[in-house]
Amino acid sequence: MTLVLPPADDADVPRYWRELGLPGLVDAHVHFLPDPVQAKVWQYFAEAVTHYGAPWPVEYPVPVEDRLAVLDRLGVRAFPTLPYPHKPGMAAWLNEWSAEFARARPQVLSSATFYPEPEAAGYVGQALDRGARVFKVHVQVGRFDPRDPLLDDVWAQLEDSGTPVVIHCGSGPLVGEHTGPAPVTGLLQRYPRLQLVIAHLGMPEYAEFLDLAEHHELVHLDTTMFATDFIERLMPFDPALRPRLRALRDKVLLGSDFPSIPYAYAHQLQALHRLELGEEWLRAVLWRNGARLFGLEAR
């Protein structure tokens, strides 16, 4: 049971986290991309009816500094940029851009990515040397198996360094050739100490990805779009799974997918609140787990 009321809108979000006794929010799933790449992403969502069978009106299609200001007003104290390539030859350039973007912005967690290509181990090592604190992998967009042998040295480096990897591997909102729990299960059999963060709580294979989080010490889940009205219409979460989600309190991270979400940021918090998993669960998810995983100082 929670005594704090959920946020009514974005302007009310700071009141919400303050009443929960938090210093702000840590959002593990935010995207900032080079302008040409971001424009293509937004064009894709503009054609969402073709892709998803439902419109996807982007809520925050504004310039970079305006987006940063939105997150500041919301009280998001730390967030990544989570770049991801869809073809060979992109990742190293995205990593350089992301490192530069984070350099002058202390609230930004320096982010990097990779693709199965011969150069991957080299540029991942460079990204780690530059201080990358989180990596992003998008199995559906990249159309690759995370067990690809070209990534063996990459995963070994990430396991050794303990660097978190946000991985979009569930089959939602679109099924991919290599999505679903099987490839990730196989990956973890080979690299059991990977700090994976399963994006979108693994939707729609929620139960299977809860299994992975329960059985692998370092596997986490993020809440990106989870339980929102938009996703519940497409890929509902079985209420019978709520006790398992409650028990995984210390392994669930707030994620939003800002800025390319089809509703206000506050709605993600409303959706988590109405799960009725308790204020301590909310405090862990909205701040404590992210602060621990990303090594943030208490503020």
Protein backbone atom coordinates (compact mmCIF):
# COMPACT_ATOMS: atom_id res chain seq x y z
CA MET A 1 0.00 0.00 0.00
CA THR A 2 1.22 3.50 -0.84
CA LEU A 3 0.13 6.66 0.93
CA VAL A 4 1.78 8.99 -1.58
CA LEU A 5 -0.46 9.93 -4.51
CA PRO A 6 0.86 9.28 -8.04
CA PRO A 7 1.93 12.29 -10.11
CA ALA A 8 -0.92 14.01 -11.92
CA ASP A 9 1.32 15.21 -14.75
CA ASP A 10 4.95 16.03 -15.52
CA ALA A 11 4.90 19.17 -13.39
CA ASP A 12 3.84 17.04 -10.42
CA VAL A 13 6.66 14.49 -10.75
CA PRO A 14 9.09 16.29 -8.38
CA ARG A 15 6.42 16.36 -5.67
CA TYR A 16 6.01 12.60 -6.13
CA TRP A 17 9.64 11.61 -5.66
CA ARG A 18 10.10 14.08 -2.81
CA GLU A 19 7.16 12.59 -0.92
CA LEU A 20 8.71 9.16 -1.43
CA GLY A 21 11.81 10.54 0.29
CA LEU A 22 14.02 10.39 -2.80
CA PRO A 23 16.60 12.88 -4.11
CA GLY A 24 15.25 12.45 -7.65
CA LEU A 25 15.04 9.71 -10.27
CA VAL A 26 17.59 7.50 -12.01
CA ASP A 27 16.30 6.52 -15.46
CA ALA A 28 18.17 3.60 -17.00
CA HIS A 29 16.54 3.87 -20.43
CA VAL A 30 16.82 7.29 -22.08
CA HIS A 31 18.00 7.93 -25.64
CA PHE A 32 20.01 10.83 -27.00
CA LEU A 33 21.29 10.24 -30.53
CA PRO A 34 23.04 12.30 -33.21
CA ASP A 35 20.50 14.57 -34.88
CA PRO A 36 20.38 12.67 -38.22
CA VAL A 37 19.87 9.35 -36.41
CA GLN A 38 17.25 10.81 -34.08
CA ALA A 39 15.35 12.24 -37.04
CA LYS A 40 15.23 8.80 -38.66
CA VAL A 41 13.99 7.23 -35.43
CA TRP A 42 11.20 9.79 -35.18
CA GLN A 43 10.31 9.25 -38.83
CA TYR A 44 9.97 5.53 -38.08
CA PHE A 45 7.53 6.28 -35.27
CA ALA A 46 5.62 8.66 -37.51
CA GLU A 47 4.90 5.58 -39.64
CA ALA A 48 4.03 3.45 -36.60
CA VAL A 49 0.63 2.34 -37.91
CA THR A 50 2.49 0.51 -40.67
CA HIS A 51 4.92 -1.09 -38.23
CA TYR A 52 2.79 -1.70 -35.14
CA GLY A 53 -0.80 -1.35 -36.30
CA ALA A 54 -1.27 1.59 -33.93
CA PRO A 55 -0.18 5.25 -33.95
CA TRP A 56 2.86 6.22 -31.87
CA PRO A 57 2.83 10.01 -31.44
CA VAL A 58 6.21 11.02 -29.99
CA GLU A 59 5.62 13.16 -26.90
CA TYR A 60 8.93 15.06 -26.81
CA PRO A 61 10.11 15.73 -30.42
CA VAL A 62 12.06 18.85 -29.39
CA PRO A 63 15.70 19.97 -29.73
CA VAL A 64 18.42 18.51 -27.53
CA GLU A 65 18.65 21.33 -25.01
CA ASP A 66 14.87 21.36 -24.59
CA ARG A 67 14.88 17.62 -23.94
CA LEU A 68 17.62 18.02 -21.36
CA ALA A 69 15.59 20.76 -19.70
CA VAL A 70 12.53 18.47 -19.52
CA LEU A 71 14.54 15.80 -17.71
CA ASP A 72 15.98 18.41 -15.37
CA ARG A 73 12.52 19.69 -14.45
CA LEU A 74 11.33 16.14 -13.85
CA GLY A 75 14.22 15.56 -11.47
CA VAL A 76 15.98 12.84 -13.47
CA ARG A 77 19.42 13.06 -11.88
CA ALA A 78 21.16 10.46 -14.01
CA PHE A 79 20.45 8.86 -17.37
CA PRO A 80 22.31 7.26 -20.31
CA THR A 81 22.15 8.05 -24.03
CA LEU A 82 21.90 4.39 -25.20
CA PRO A 83 23.00 4.55 -28.85
CA TYR A 84 22.43 1.47 -31.00
CA PRO A 85 23.46 0.62 -34.59
CA HIS A 86 21.32 -1.12 -37.17
CA LYS A 87 24.19 -2.04 -39.50
CA PRO A 88 27.98 -2.53 -39.52
CA GLY A 89 30.23 0.52 -39.36
CA MET A 90 28.00 2.64 -37.12
CA ALA A 91 28.90 1.65 -33.58
CA ALA A 92 32.35 3.22 -33.26
CA TRP A 93 31.04 6.56 -34.52
CA LEU A 94 28.04 6.42 -32.18
CA ASN A 95 30.37 5.67 -29.28
CA GLU A 96 32.54 8.69 -30.04
CA TRP A 97 29.49 10.95 -30.29
CA SER A 98 28.03 9.59 -27.05
CA ALA A 99 31.28 10.04 -25.15
CA GLU A 100 31.52 13.65 -26.28
CA PHE A 101 27.86 14.28 -25.40
CA ALA A 102 28.38 13.00 -21.86
CA ARG A 103 31.69 14.76 -21.28
CA ALA A 104 30.23 18.17 -20.47
CA ARG A 105 27.05 16.90 -18.83
CA PRO A 106 27.56 15.30 -15.41
CA GLN A 107 23.99 13.95 -15.31
CA VAL A 108 24.64 11.83 -18.43
CA LEU A 109 25.98 8.30 -17.97
CA SER A 110 28.55 7.82 -20.72
CA SER A 111 27.09 5.16 -23.01
CA ALA A 112 28.33 2.93 -25.82
CA THR A 113 27.19 0.14 -28.10
CA PHE A 114 28.48 -2.53 -30.49
CA TYR A 115 27.57 -4.66 -33.48
CA PRO A 116 28.85 -8.11 -34.54
CA GLU A 117 31.79 -7.06 -36.72
CA PRO A 118 35.54 -7.76 -36.58
CA GLU A 119 36.30 -4.33 -35.10
CA ALA A 120 33.88 -4.68 -32.20
CA ALA A 121 36.29 -5.85 -29.50
CA GLY A 122 38.66 -2.99 -30.31
CA TYR A 123 36.18 -0.15 -30.12
CA VAL A 124 34.43 -1.63 -27.07
CA GLY A 125 37.81 -1.66 -25.32
CA GLN A 126 38.34 1.96 -26.32
CA ALA A 127 34.90 2.90 -25.02
CA LEU A 128 35.65 1.25 -21.68
CA ASP A 129 38.98 3.07 -21.50
CA ARG A 130 37.12 6.36 -22.11
CA GLY A 131 34.87 5.61 -19.15
CA ALA A 132 31.71 4.14 -20.69
CA ARG A 133 29.38 3.26 -17.81
CA VAL A 134 26.63 1.45 -19.71
CA PHE A 135 26.22 -0.25 -23.10
CA LYS A 136 23.11 -0.71 -25.23
CA VAL A 137 22.26 -3.67 -27.47
CA HIS A 138 19.12 -3.83 -29.60
CA VAL A 139 18.70 -7.38 -30.86
CA GLN A 140 15.55 -6.68 -32.88
CA VAL A 141 16.77 -3.53 -34.65
CA GLY A 142 20.28 -4.91 -35.16
CA ARG A 143 18.94 -8.25 -36.42
CA PHE A 144 21.73 -10.27 -34.84
CA ASP A 145 22.11 -13.12 -32.40
CA PRO A 146 23.88 -11.92 -29.24
CA ARG A 147 25.78 -15.24 -29.29
CA ASP A 148 27.46 -14.34 -32.59
CA PRO A 149 31.13 -15.44 -32.35
CA LEU A 150 32.21 -11.96 -33.46
CA LEU A 151 31.01 -10.76 -30.06
CA ASP A 152 32.87 -13.30 -27.91
CA ASP A 153 35.65 -10.89 -26.96
CA VAL A 154 33.12 -8.09 -26.44
CA TRP A 155 31.08 -10.05 -23.91
CA ALA A 156 34.26 -11.21 -22.17
CA GLN A 157 35.38 -7.59 -21.73
CA LEU A 158 31.99 -6.52 -20.43
CA GLU A 159 31.81 -9.44 -18.02
CA ASP A 160 35.30 -8.73 -16.71
CA SER A 161 34.61 -5.02 -16.27
CA GLY A 162 31.15 -5.53 -14.73
CA THR A 163 29.72 -2.83 -17.00
CA PRO A 164 25.91 -2.91 -17.25
CA VAL A 165 24.41 -3.71 -20.66
CA VAL A 166 20.84 -2.63 -21.42
CA ILE A 167 19.64 -5.24 -23.89
CA HIS A 168 16.41 -5.06 -25.87
CA CYS A 169 15.86 -8.77 -26.42
CA GLY A 170 12.14 -9.38 -25.85
CA SER A 171 9.84 -9.90 -28.83
CA GLY A 172 7.93 -6.66 -28.27
CA PRO A 173 6.79 -4.45 -29.71
CA LEU A 174 8.00 -6.39 -32.78
CA VAL A 175 9.23 -9.96 -33.10
CA GLY A 176 12.74 -10.33 -34.47
CA GLU A 177 14.66 -13.30 -35.80
CA HIS A 178 16.78 -13.41 -32.64
CA THR A 179 14.41 -11.99 -30.00
CA GLY A 180 13.01 -13.92 -27.06
CA PRO A 181 14.58 -15.55 -24.02
CA ALA A 182 16.49 -18.38 -25.73
CA PRO A 183 19.43 -16.36 -27.16
CA VAL A 184 19.95 -14.50 -23.87
CA THR A 185 19.72 -17.72 -21.87
CA GLY A 186 22.43 -19.18 -24.08
CA LEU A 187 24.53 -16.04 -23.71
CA LEU A 188 24.33 -16.22 -19.92
CA GLN A 189 25.38 -19.85 -19.96
CA ARG A 190 28.64 -18.73 -21.54
CA TYR A 191 29.03 -15.45 -19.60
CA PRO A 192 27.15 -15.92 -16.31
CA ARG A 193 28.60 -12.77 -14.69
CA LEU A 194 27.25 -10.34 -17.26
CA GLN A 195 25.38 -7.37 -15.76
CA LEU A 196 22.46 -7.48 -18.18
CA VAL A 197 19.50 -5.12 -17.86
CA ILE A 198 16.55 -6.62 -19.75
CA ALA A 199 14.78 -3.69 -21.43
CA HIS A 200 10.98 -3.38 -21.27
CA LEU A 201 10.87 -6.15 -18.63
CA GLY A 202 11.31 -8.50 -21.60
CA MET A 203 7.86 -7.83 -23.04
CA PRO A 204 5.88 -9.80 -24.02
CA GLU A 205 7.86 -12.75 -22.59
CA TYR A 206 7.54 -11.31 -19.10
CA ALA A 207 7.46 -14.63 -17.22
CA GLU A 208 10.50 -16.03 -19.02
CA PHE A 209 12.62 -12.95 -18.34
CA LEU A 210 11.49 -12.90 -14.72
CA ASP A 211 12.90 -16.44 -14.63
CA LEU A 212 16.27 -15.17 -15.84
CA ALA A 213 16.36 -12.40 -13.25
CA GLU A 214 15.45 -14.88 -10.52
CA HIS A 215 18.14 -17.36 -11.48
CA HIS A 216 21.03 -15.06 -12.44
CA GLU A 217 22.45 -12.85 -9.71
CA LEU A 218 23.48 -9.97 -11.98
CA VAL A 219 20.49 -9.88 -14.35
CA HIS A 220 18.22 -6.85 -13.88
CA LEU A 221 15.02 -5.66 -15.55
CA ASP A 222 14.00 -2.17 -16.61
CA THR A 223 10.46 -0.85 -16.62
CA THR A 224 10.56 0.89 -20.00
CA MET A 225 6.94 1.34 -21.17
CA PHE A 226 5.94 -1.49 -18.84
CA ALA A 227 2.36 -1.42 -17.50
CA THR A 228 1.48 1.78 -19.37
CA ASP A 229 -1.92 2.03 -21.01
CA PHE A 230 -0.23 1.95 -24.42
CA ILE A 231 1.57 -1.35 -23.79
CA GLU A 232 -1.22 -2.96 -21.79
CA ARG A 233 -3.42 -2.71 -24.88
CA LEU A 234 -0.80 -4.50 -26.97
CA MET A 235 1.09 -6.80 -24.57
CA PRO A 236 -0.62 -7.00 -21.18
CA PHE A 237 1.18 -8.15 -18.05
CA ASP A 238 -0.44 -11.04 -16.21
CA PRO A 239 -1.40 -9.79 -12.71
CA ALA A 240 -0.51 -13.23 -11.38
CA LEU A 241 3.15 -12.32 -11.98
CA ARG A 242 3.05 -9.32 -9.63
CA PRO A 243 4.28 -11.23 -6.54
CA ARG A 244 7.38 -12.30 -8.48
CA LEU A 245 7.97 -8.72 -9.57
CA ARG A 246 7.62 -7.56 -5.97
CA ALA A 247 10.17 -10.15 -4.84
CA LEU A 248 12.63 -8.85 -7.46
CA ARG A 249 12.46 -5.35 -5.94
CA ASP A 250 16.23 -4.90 -5.84
CA LYS A 251 16.71 -5.93 -9.49
CA VAL A 252 14.20 -3.63 -11.23
CA LEU A 253 15.26 -0.25 -12.63
CA LEU A 254 13.18 2.68 -13.79
CA GLY A 255 13.25 3.01 -17.57
CA SER A 256 11.17 5.34 -19.72
CA ASP A 257 12.35 5.38 -23.38
CA PHE A 258 12.31 9.19 -23.24
CA PRO A 259 11.95 11.09 -25.54
CA SER A 260 10.23 8.79 -28.05
CA ILE A 261 7.27 7.77 -25.92
CA PRO A 262 3.61 8.20 -26.94
CA TYR A 263 2.51 9.71 -23.61
CA ALA A 264 3.81 12.05 -20.91
CA TYR A 265 6.75 10.92 -18.77
CA ALA A 266 4.54 11.04 -15.67
CA HIS A 267 2.42 8.21 -17.05
CA GLN A 268 5.28 5.72 -16.65
CA LEU A 269 5.38 6.58 -12.95
CA GLN A 270 1.59 6.37 -12.70
CA ALA A 271 1.73 2.91 -14.29
CA LEU A 272 4.30 1.66 -11.78
CA HIS A 273 2.42 3.22 -8.88
CA ARG A 274 -0.85 1.49 -9.72
CA LEU A 275 0.83 -1.94 -9.56
CA GLU A 276 0.43 -1.48 -5.80
CA LEU A 277 3.76 -3.09 -4.97
CA GLY A 278 4.44 -0.63 -2.15
CA GLU A 279 6.45 2.49 -1.46
CA GLU A 280 9.64 0.61 -0.62
CA TRP A 281 9.46 -1.11 -4.02
CA LEU A 282 9.00 2.27 -5.69
CA ARG A 283 11.93 3.79 -3.81
CA ALA A 284 14.17 0.93 -4.91
CA VAL A 285 13.05 1.09 -8.54
CA LEU A 286 13.00 4.86 -8.99
CA TRP A 287 16.32 5.60 -7.32
CA ARG A 288 18.19 3.07 -5.20
CA ASN A 289 18.78 0.28 -7.73
CA GLY A 290 19.94 2.59 -10.48
CA ALA A 291 22.18 4.53 -8.11
CA ARG A 292 23.80 1.28 -6.99
CA LEU A 293 24.19 -0.21 -10.47
CA PHE A 294 25.71 2.92 -11.97
CA GLY A 295 27.85 3.78 -8.95
CA LEU A 296 26.22 7.12 -8.20
CA GLU A 297 27.05 8.97 -5.03
CA ALA A 298 24.10 9.62 -2.74
CA ARG A 299 22.75 13.08 -3.40
